[in-house]
Protein backbone atom coordinates (compact mmCIF):
# COMPACT_ATOMS: atom_id res chain seq x y z
CA MET A 1 222.51 98.79 73.80
CA PRO A 2 219.63 96.82 72.23
CA ARG A 3 216.15 96.99 73.75
CA PHE A 4 214.76 93.85 75.38
CA VAL A 5 211.43 94.37 73.60
CA LYS A 6 211.07 95.98 70.18
CA ASP A 7 207.83 96.41 68.22
CA GLY A 8 205.99 94.22 70.71
CA ARG A 9 208.38 91.27 70.36
CA PHE A 10 211.47 90.01 72.16
CA ASN A 11 214.55 91.49 70.58
CA PHE A 12 217.18 88.78 70.87
CA SER A 13 218.28 88.83 67.23
CA GLU A 14 219.46 92.45 66.91
CA ASN A 15 222.67 91.71 68.78
CA GLN A 16 223.02 87.99 69.44
CA ASP A 17 226.13 88.55 71.57
CA HIS A 18 224.28 90.77 74.02
CA VAL A 19 223.17 89.19 77.30
CA PHE A 20 220.22 91.01 78.83
CA ILE A 21 220.44 91.40 82.60
CA ILE A 22 217.29 91.79 84.69
CA ALA A 23 218.02 93.19 88.14
CA GLU A 24 215.42 91.61 90.41
CA ILE A 25 214.53 94.18 93.05
CA GLY A 26 211.44 92.18 93.99
CA VAL A 27 210.56 93.23 97.53
CA ASN A 28 214.09 94.33 98.47
CA HIS A 29 212.76 97.91 98.47
CA ASP A 30 211.13 96.98 101.83
CA GLY A 31 207.91 98.70 100.75
CA ASP A 32 209.70 102.04 100.48
CA ARG A 33 209.34 104.03 97.23
CA THR A 34 212.63 105.88 97.85
CA LYS A 35 214.53 102.61 98.22
CA ALA A 36 212.88 101.31 95.04
CA VAL A 37 214.20 104.32 93.11
CA GLU A 38 217.65 104.05 94.70
CA LEU A 39 217.88 100.36 93.80
CA THR A 40 216.79 101.20 90.26
CA ASP A 41 219.62 103.71 90.00
CA LEU A 42 222.02 101.18 91.47
CA ALA A 43 221.02 98.63 88.82
CA LYS A 44 221.44 101.24 86.09
CA SER A 45 224.93 102.12 87.35
CA CYS A 46 225.84 98.41 87.10
CA ASP A 47 224.72 98.31 83.44
CA ALA A 48 221.57 96.20 83.94
CA ASP A 49 219.02 96.30 81.13
CA MET A 50 215.93 96.12 83.31
CA VAL A 51 214.73 96.21 86.89
CA LYS A 52 211.95 93.92 88.06
CA PHE A 53 209.39 94.45 90.79
CA GLN A 54 206.40 92.50 92.09
CA ALA A 55 202.74 93.52 92.01
CA PHE A 56 200.21 91.82 94.25
CA ASP A 57 197.08 92.31 96.26
CA PRO A 58 197.55 90.21 99.41
CA HIS A 59 193.88 89.19 99.51
CA TRP A 60 194.03 87.85 95.93
CA LEU A 61 197.47 86.31 96.26
CA CYS A 62 197.02 84.07 99.26
CA ASN A 63 194.51 82.49 101.60
CA PRO A 64 194.56 84.03 105.09
CA THR A 65 195.83 80.74 106.53
CA VAL A 66 199.14 80.71 104.58
CA ALA A 67 202.42 80.78 106.55
CA GLN A 68 205.80 82.09 105.42
CA ALA A 69 208.03 79.69 103.53
CA GLY A 70 210.96 78.05 105.29
CA TYR A 71 213.60 80.10 103.46
CA GLN A 72 211.71 83.30 104.30
CA LEU A 73 211.73 82.43 107.99
CA GLU A 74 215.40 81.42 107.86
CA ASN A 75 216.39 84.67 106.08
CA GLN A 76 214.70 86.65 108.88
CA LYS A 77 215.77 84.35 111.71
CA GLY A 78 215.82 86.02 115.10
CA LYS A 79 213.96 89.08 113.81
CA ARG A 80 210.44 90.21 114.65
CA GLU A 81 209.50 89.84 110.98
CA ALA A 82 209.90 86.06 111.26
CA GLU A 83 206.88 86.05 113.59
CA ASP A 84 204.57 87.47 110.92
CA GLY A 85 202.17 85.39 108.88
CA PHE A 86 202.51 85.43 105.10
CA MET A 87 199.65 87.91 104.75
CA GLU A 88 201.31 90.31 107.20
CA MET A 89 204.57 90.04 105.29
CA LEU A 90 202.80 90.82 102.01
CA HIS A 91 201.19 93.97 103.39
CA ARG A 92 204.62 95.13 104.57
CA TYR A 93 206.13 94.88 101.08
CA GLN A 94 203.18 95.76 98.85
CA MET A 95 203.70 98.64 96.40
CA SER A 96 200.70 100.77 95.52
CA ARG A 97 199.51 101.58 92.01
CA GLY A 98 200.84 105.12 92.43
CA GLN A 99 204.25 103.91 93.56
CA MET A 100 204.42 101.55 90.57
CA ILE A 101 203.63 104.35 88.12
CA ASP A 102 206.15 106.62 89.81
CA VAL A 103 208.94 104.03 89.61
CA ARG A 104 208.06 103.13 86.02
CA ARG A 105 208.32 106.81 85.04
CA HIS A 106 211.67 107.04 86.81
CA CYS A 107 212.85 104.07 84.73
CA ASP A 108 211.75 105.88 81.58
CA ARG A 109 213.68 109.00 82.58
CA THR A 110 216.85 107.07 83.37
CA ASP A 111 216.61 104.74 80.35
CA ILE A 112 216.34 101.40 82.09
CA GLY A 113 213.59 98.88 81.38
CA PHE A 114 210.76 98.37 83.86
CA LEU A 115 209.44 94.85 84.41
CA CYS A 116 206.96 93.60 86.98
CA THR A 117 205.62 90.22 88.05
CA PRO A 118 201.87 90.19 88.76
CA PHE A 119 200.79 87.56 91.27
CA ASP A 120 197.04 87.85 90.68
CA VAL A 121 194.73 88.82 87.82
CA LYS A 122 193.72 92.10 89.47
CA SER A 123 197.38 93.19 89.66
CA LEU A 124 198.07 92.07 86.09
CA ARG A 125 195.24 94.23 84.77
CA MET A 126 196.54 97.16 86.80
CA LEU A 127 200.01 96.77 85.28
CA VAL A 128 198.68 96.58 81.74
CA ASP A 129 195.89 99.16 81.91
CA GLU A 130 197.28 101.73 84.36
CA VAL A 131 201.04 101.32 84.80
CA GLY A 132 201.65 100.77 81.09
CA VAL A 133 204.17 97.91 81.12
CA GLU A 134 205.61 96.67 77.82
CA MET A 135 206.05 93.06 78.94
CA LEU A 136 205.10 90.70 81.77
CA LYS A 137 206.89 88.13 83.89
CA ILE A 138 205.02 85.23 85.49
CA GLY A 139 206.72 84.01 88.65
CA SER A 140 207.42 80.36 89.36
CA GLY A 141 204.75 80.05 92.01
CA GLN A 142 202.07 81.20 89.56
CA LEU A 143 202.97 78.74 86.79
CA VAL A 144 199.83 76.68 87.46
CA HIS A 145 197.58 79.75 87.93
CA MET A 146 195.54 79.09 84.80
CA PRO A 147 193.38 82.28 84.91
CA LEU A 148 196.50 84.45 85.36
CA LEU A 149 198.28 82.81 82.43
CA VAL A 150 195.23 83.19 80.18
CA GLU A 151 195.02 86.88 81.10
CA ALA A 152 198.76 87.32 80.43
CA GLY A 153 198.25 85.84 76.97
CA ARG A 154 195.19 88.01 76.38
CA SER A 155 197.22 91.15 77.18
CA GLY A 156 199.07 90.75 73.89
CA LEU A 157 202.33 91.69 75.62
CA PRO A 158 205.51 89.59 75.53
CA VAL A 159 205.56 87.20 78.48
CA ILE A 160 208.38 85.48 80.36
CA ILE A 161 207.48 82.50 82.54
CA SER A 162 209.75 81.29 85.33
CA THR A 163 209.81 77.59 86.13
CA GLY A 164 210.90 76.95 89.72
CA VAL A 165 209.15 74.12 91.64
CA SER A 166 207.77 72.89 88.31
CA ASN A 167 208.12 70.01 85.90
CA LEU A 168 208.07 69.75 82.10
CA GLU A 169 204.37 68.90 81.94
CA GLU A 170 203.35 71.93 84.02
CA ILE A 171 205.45 74.23 81.82
CA GLY A 172 203.76 72.78 78.75
CA MET A 173 200.28 73.37 80.16
CA ALA A 174 201.20 76.94 81.12
CA LEU A 175 202.22 77.62 77.51
CA THR A 176 198.95 76.15 76.30
CA TRP A 177 196.96 78.55 78.50
CA ILE A 178 198.96 81.58 77.35
CA ALA A 179 198.28 80.52 73.75
CA PHE A 180 194.56 80.24 74.57
CA GLY A 181 194.61 83.81 75.88
CA ARG A 182 196.37 84.97 72.71
CA THR A 183 193.65 83.45 70.50
CA HIS A 184 190.47 83.90 72.58
CA LYS A 185 189.13 87.34 73.50
CA GLU A 186 187.19 86.16 76.54
CA GLY A 187 186.50 83.21 78.82
CA LEU A 188 188.60 80.43 80.27
CA PRO A 189 189.56 77.23 78.46
CA ASP A 190 187.67 74.00 78.87
CA ALA A 191 189.22 70.74 80.01
CA SER A 192 190.49 69.94 76.52
CA TYR A 193 193.17 72.60 77.08
CA VAL A 194 194.64 70.82 80.10
CA ARG A 195 197.46 69.38 77.99
CA MET A 196 200.85 69.97 76.46
CA PRO A 197 201.01 72.63 73.72
CA THR A 198 200.45 71.73 70.08
CA ALA A 199 202.60 72.96 67.21
CA ASP A 200 199.91 75.56 66.51
CA ASP A 201 200.03 76.75 70.12
CA LEU A 202 203.80 77.17 69.97
CA ALA A 203 203.57 79.01 66.66
CA VAL A 204 201.29 81.56 68.35
CA LEU A 205 203.92 82.05 71.09
CA LYS A 206 206.92 82.46 68.79
CA ASP A 207 208.92 85.64 69.50
CA ASN A 208 206.58 86.80 72.28
CA VAL A 209 206.87 84.14 75.01
CA ALA A 210 210.10 83.07 76.70
CA ILE A 211 210.97 80.66 79.51
CA MET A 212 213.44 80.87 82.39
CA GLN A 213 215.04 77.89 84.07
CA CYS A 214 214.78 78.55 87.81
CA THR A 215 215.30 76.82 91.14
CA THR A 216 213.01 78.20 93.83
CA SER A 217 215.33 78.25 96.81
CA TYR A 218 216.92 81.38 98.26
CA PRO A 219 219.81 80.86 97.88
CA ALA A 220 219.56 77.97 95.42
CA PRO A 221 221.97 75.06 96.01
CA LEU A 222 224.33 74.29 93.15
CA GLU A 223 223.27 70.65 93.03
CA GLU A 224 219.69 71.72 92.22
CA THR A 225 220.57 74.41 89.66
CA ASN A 226 220.36 71.98 86.71
CA LEU A 227 221.63 74.29 83.96
CA ASN A 228 221.20 71.57 81.34
CA VAL A 229 217.44 72.04 81.63
CA ILE A 230 218.00 75.14 79.47
CA THR A 231 218.83 72.86 76.54
CA THR A 232 215.91 70.57 77.39
CA LEU A 233 213.43 73.45 77.32
CA GLN A 234 214.88 74.83 74.09
CA ASP A 235 214.46 71.42 72.45
CA ALA A 236 211.00 70.82 73.91
CA PHE A 237 209.31 74.08 72.98
CA GLY A 238 211.52 75.97 70.53
CA LEU A 239 211.19 79.19 72.53
CA PRO A 240 213.91 81.46 73.96
CA VAL A 241 215.17 80.20 77.33
CA GLY A 242 216.98 82.22 79.98
CA PHE A 243 218.08 81.69 83.57
CA SER A 244 216.58 83.05 86.77
CA ASP A 245 219.58 82.87 89.08
CA HIS A 246 219.12 82.52 92.84
CA THR A 247 222.53 80.92 93.51
CA GLY A 248 224.09 84.11 94.86
CA THR A 249 227.20 83.45 92.73
CA THR A 250 228.81 85.48 89.96
CA ASN A 251 229.93 82.60 87.73
CA VAL A 252 227.25 79.88 87.58
CA MET A 253 225.18 81.87 85.08
CA CYS A 254 228.14 81.74 82.67
CA GLY A 255 227.15 78.14 82.07
CA ALA A 256 223.65 79.28 81.14
CA VAL A 257 225.12 81.73 78.63
CA LYS A 258 227.22 78.96 77.07
CA LEU A 259 224.01 76.96 76.61
CA GLY A 260 222.42 79.80 74.68
CA ALA A 261 220.67 81.84 77.38
CA ARG A 262 220.67 85.51 76.39
CA PHE A 263 218.67 86.85 79.32
CA LEU A 264 219.43 86.43 82.99
CA GLU A 265 217.75 87.54 86.19
CA THR A 266 219.30 87.88 89.62
CA HIS A 267 218.50 89.81 92.81
CA ILE A 268 220.07 93.14 93.68
CA THR A 269 220.10 94.73 97.14
CA TYR A 270 221.57 97.58 99.12
CA ASP A 271 222.62 95.18 101.94
CA VAL A 272 222.66 91.38 101.95
CA ASN A 273 222.24 91.47 105.73
CA ALA A 274 219.11 93.62 105.66
CA ILE A 275 215.90 92.27 107.16
CA GLY A 276 213.68 90.66 104.54
CA PRO A 277 212.99 87.39 102.75
CA ASP A 278 215.27 87.85 99.71
CA HIS A 279 218.24 90.05 100.69
CA LYS A 280 220.48 87.09 101.57
CA ALA A 281 220.17 85.64 98.06
CA SER A 282 220.94 88.99 96.42
CA HIS A 283 224.01 90.89 95.18
CA GLU A 284 225.29 94.18 96.52
CA LYS A 285 226.80 96.74 94.12
CA ALA A 286 230.30 95.29 93.65
CA ALA A 287 229.08 91.71 93.23
CA PHE A 288 226.32 92.78 90.85
CA ARG A 289 228.83 94.63 88.68
CA THR A 290 230.99 91.51 88.56
CA TYR A 291 227.91 89.45 87.69
CA VAL A 292 227.05 91.69 84.73
CA ALA A 293 230.64 91.81 83.45
CA ASN A 294 231.07 88.04 83.66
CA ALA A 295 227.74 87.32 82.00
CA ARG A 296 228.49 89.59 79.06
CA ALA A 297 232.02 88.21 78.68
CA ALA A 298 230.79 84.60 78.82
CA VAL A 299 229.43 84.85 75.27
CA LYS A 300 233.02 84.68 73.95
CA LYS A 301 235.04 83.43 76.89
CA ASP A 302 234.90 80.23 78.94
CA PHE A 303 234.39 80.69 82.66
CA PRO A 304 234.76 77.78 85.09
CA VAL A 305 231.36 76.59 86.29
CA PRO A 306 231.06 74.11 89.19
CA ASP A 307 230.24 70.63 87.90
CA ALA A 308 227.37 70.34 90.37
CA ALA A 309 225.50 73.18 88.66
CA TRP A 310 225.07 71.44 85.29
CA GLY A 311 222.61 68.76 86.42
CA TYR A 312 221.21 66.08 84.18
CA GLY A 313 218.58 67.95 82.20
CA ILE A 314 215.34 66.47 83.54
CA LYS A 315 212.93 69.28 84.45
CA VAL A 316 211.26 68.26 87.68
CA CYS A 317 210.76 69.80 91.12
CA ASN A 318 213.93 69.32 93.17
CA ALA A 319 214.09 68.00 96.73
CA LYS A 320 214.69 71.34 98.49
CA GLU A 321 212.16 73.04 96.23
CA GLY A 322 209.63 70.46 97.38
CA ALA A 323 209.65 72.12 100.79
CA VAL A 324 208.57 75.41 99.17
CA HIS A 325 206.07 73.90 96.73
CA ASP A 326 202.97 73.84 98.92
CA ILE A 327 203.35 77.48 99.97
CA ALA A 328 204.47 78.87 96.61
CA ARG A 329 201.73 77.27 94.52
CA ASN A 330 198.04 78.08 94.15
CA GLY A 331 194.97 76.03 94.95
CA LEU A 332 191.22 76.62 94.82
CA TRP A 333 189.76 78.13 98.00
CA ALA A 334 186.35 79.39 99.10
CA ILE A 335 186.03 83.18 99.28
CA ARG A 336 183.00 82.92 101.56
CA ASP A 337 180.59 80.30 102.88
CA ILE A 338 179.19 78.22 100.01
CA ALA A 339 175.80 76.56 100.45
CA PRO A 340 174.81 73.19 98.95
CA GLY A 341 173.31 73.71 95.50
CA GLU A 342 175.15 76.99 94.94
CA GLU A 343 176.96 77.36 91.62
CA PHE A 344 180.74 77.82 91.69
CA VAL A 345 181.75 81.27 90.39
CA LEU A 346 185.35 82.51 90.06
CA GLY A 347 186.35 85.75 91.74
CA GLU A 348 189.39 87.76 90.68
CA ASN A 349 188.62 91.06 92.44
CA GLU A 350 186.22 92.64 94.91
CA ALA A 351 183.72 93.58 92.19
CA ASP A 352 183.33 89.90 91.27
CA VAL A 353 182.35 89.12 94.84
CA GLN A 354 179.95 92.04 95.09
CA TYR A 355 178.27 91.90 91.69
CA LYS A 356 178.82 88.35 90.38
CA ASN A 357 178.41 86.56 93.71
CA ALA A 358 181.84 84.97 93.24
CA ASN A 359 182.73 82.29 95.78
CA VAL A 360 185.98 80.66 94.55
CA LYS A 361 189.47 82.09 94.12
CA ALA A 362 192.80 80.68 92.91
CA VAL A 363 195.32 81.66 95.60
CA ARG A 364 198.23 80.29 97.59
CA SER A 365 198.65 77.72 99.05
CA VAL A 366 198.31 74.20 97.64
CA CYS A 367 195.14 72.35 98.62
CA GLU A 368 193.19 69.50 96.99
CA LEU A 369 192.47 71.10 93.59
CA THR A 370 194.80 72.98 91.27
CA PRO A 371 193.57 76.06 89.36
CA CYS A 372 193.14 74.14 86.11
CA ALA A 373 190.25 72.28 87.79
CA LEU A 374 188.30 75.50 87.13
CA THR A 375 187.86 74.19 83.57
CA VAL A 376 185.27 71.79 85.03
CA LEU A 377 184.37 73.25 88.45
CA LEU A 378 182.86 76.52 87.21
CA GLY A 379 179.16 76.06 86.56
CA GLN A 380 178.98 72.96 88.76
CA LYS A 381 176.84 73.17 91.89
CA ALA A 382 178.23 72.49 95.34
CA THR A 383 177.09 69.15 96.73
CA LYS A 384 177.77 70.17 100.33
CA ALA A 385 178.43 73.19 102.50
CA ILE A 386 181.95 74.67 102.28
CA ARG A 387 183.17 77.15 104.86
CA ALA A 388 184.81 80.46 104.00
CA HIS A 389 188.59 80.21 103.49
CA ALA A 390 188.36 76.40 103.28
CA PRO A 391 189.76 74.49 100.29
CA ILE A 392 187.31 73.44 97.59
CA PRO A 393 187.13 69.65 98.04
CA ALA A 394 188.14 67.41 95.16
CA ASP A 395 184.81 65.58 95.42
CA GLN A 396 183.15 68.64 93.85
CA ILE A 397 184.55 67.49 90.49
CA PRO A 398 182.40 64.68 89.03
CA PRO A 399 184.50 61.49 88.81
CA SER A 400 183.74 61.19 85.08
CA LYS A 401 185.33 64.62 84.49
CA MET A 402 188.34 64.31 86.81
CA LYS A 403 191.84 64.62 85.33
CA PRO A 404 195.12 63.90 87.14
CA ALA A 405 196.24 67.52 86.61
CA PHE A 406 193.25 68.73 88.65
CA LEU A 407 194.68 67.14 91.79
CA ALA A 408 197.62 68.72 93.61
CA ASP A 409 200.80 66.64 93.63
CA LYS A 410 201.50 65.97 97.30
CA ASP A 411 205.02 64.71 96.59
CA PRO A 412 206.27 66.83 93.64
CA ALA A 413 209.90 65.85 94.19
CA GLY A 414 209.13 62.19 94.87
CA ALA A 415 210.16 59.12 92.91
CA LYS A 416 206.71 58.55 91.41
CA THR A 417 206.49 62.05 89.91
CA ARG A 418 210.11 61.95 88.78
CA ALA A 419 209.55 58.64 86.95
CA ARG A 420 206.46 60.02 85.19
CA ILE A 421 208.25 63.16 84.08
CA GLU A 422 211.32 61.23 82.94
CA LYS A 423 208.99 59.15 80.77
CA LEU A 424 207.52 62.34 79.32
CA HIS A 425 211.03 63.51 78.42
CA GLY A 426 211.60 60.21 76.68
CA ASP A 427 208.27 60.29 74.85
CA MET A 428 209.12 63.77 73.54
CA GLY A 429 212.52 62.62 72.29
CA LEU A 430 214.42 64.78 74.77
CA VAL A 431 217.80 63.76 76.14
CA GLY A 432 217.29 62.30 79.60
CA LYS A 433 220.94 62.51 80.68
CA ALA A 434 222.01 65.78 79.12
CA GLN A 435 225.72 66.10 78.54
CA LYS A 436 227.65 69.05 79.92
CA ARG A 437 227.92 71.78 77.31
CA VAL A 438 230.96 74.06 77.45
CA GLY A 439 230.75 75.80 74.06
């Protein structure tokens, strides 16, 4: 079986008929190291290539005021866990550095790949410097987290980005920031990097950055799956494109394979009825085995795929995703009280707060400013008092330096945003109404 990563690059060319399967364990281990190992063994027995976990520090992932997403509450309906705030839920499912290293070593012993999604810069550095990962995955909610994407690029490791609740422009900017990290040893980009990637940027990313079409709903409705976006992203950026599958089916991903996807991700669990935010959108052992077998066979055999799953190829936040957008995405928030005249300083860990007097962090949820506003905000001085855990107001960006991308989209699935993104597809020469591909 070919390795997903070889010599520091994605290894899709060694066996072009092989479909790599990433078994997303996520937080389905329930914060229990033993369950994490058992699910890893389950994925291995089903012939998965990799298992994927999540690394996060709750205090650097979200603002204390964040609530659970609607699908998380629904998936725990009637249970005590549905009464928790988002921060409480994170603490329940957080894996320690030691647990991560232990599970990664178990993966090495059993010959299955270990992959992990960092949700904050502190966790990313831990994965690279201490856990020893060979690649990184950036989750959909972090696609606009500019400092995280720069740090992922700076790691030098292959990077996969997932694209739920996003549009084509946001994906392009994310690639630009990864390219900046690849080519700059320190610092964050200035406002000139808040743009779509250039040909030079994409050349830097060739063979070491990949994209996954994704719909951030658990489970994802077929009518919002939009498989034809895979072709759109291939044409737009010339990078490998896979499919992060939250549909809970064992056949929809066959359409992704027919469109050229050679890596897939889907959740695995020990019990779809277990308490937790993601179990209901996951596969138990028998279904996961069927999923793997169908995906691998789909390279040479046609499988029926529901018409609703193909979509029309425009990459934009879908209606049901819009309900998740504001909780899944990051904004700029005050770490502590900020006095008028105080300079804005980014914090990414506790040491930044203690020794650099950091006062701003990029965390969930959406507020007035997106993380790319840091390209202008840092070094500016506050014009008014800002309370701890309050959003950084948009009026702290001088009007002459404001860019549309600095402001959070309050209606990401709305007609105005859709029209703008459809125009971008047209300007880039992409097919607006992608035709169904069946091989």
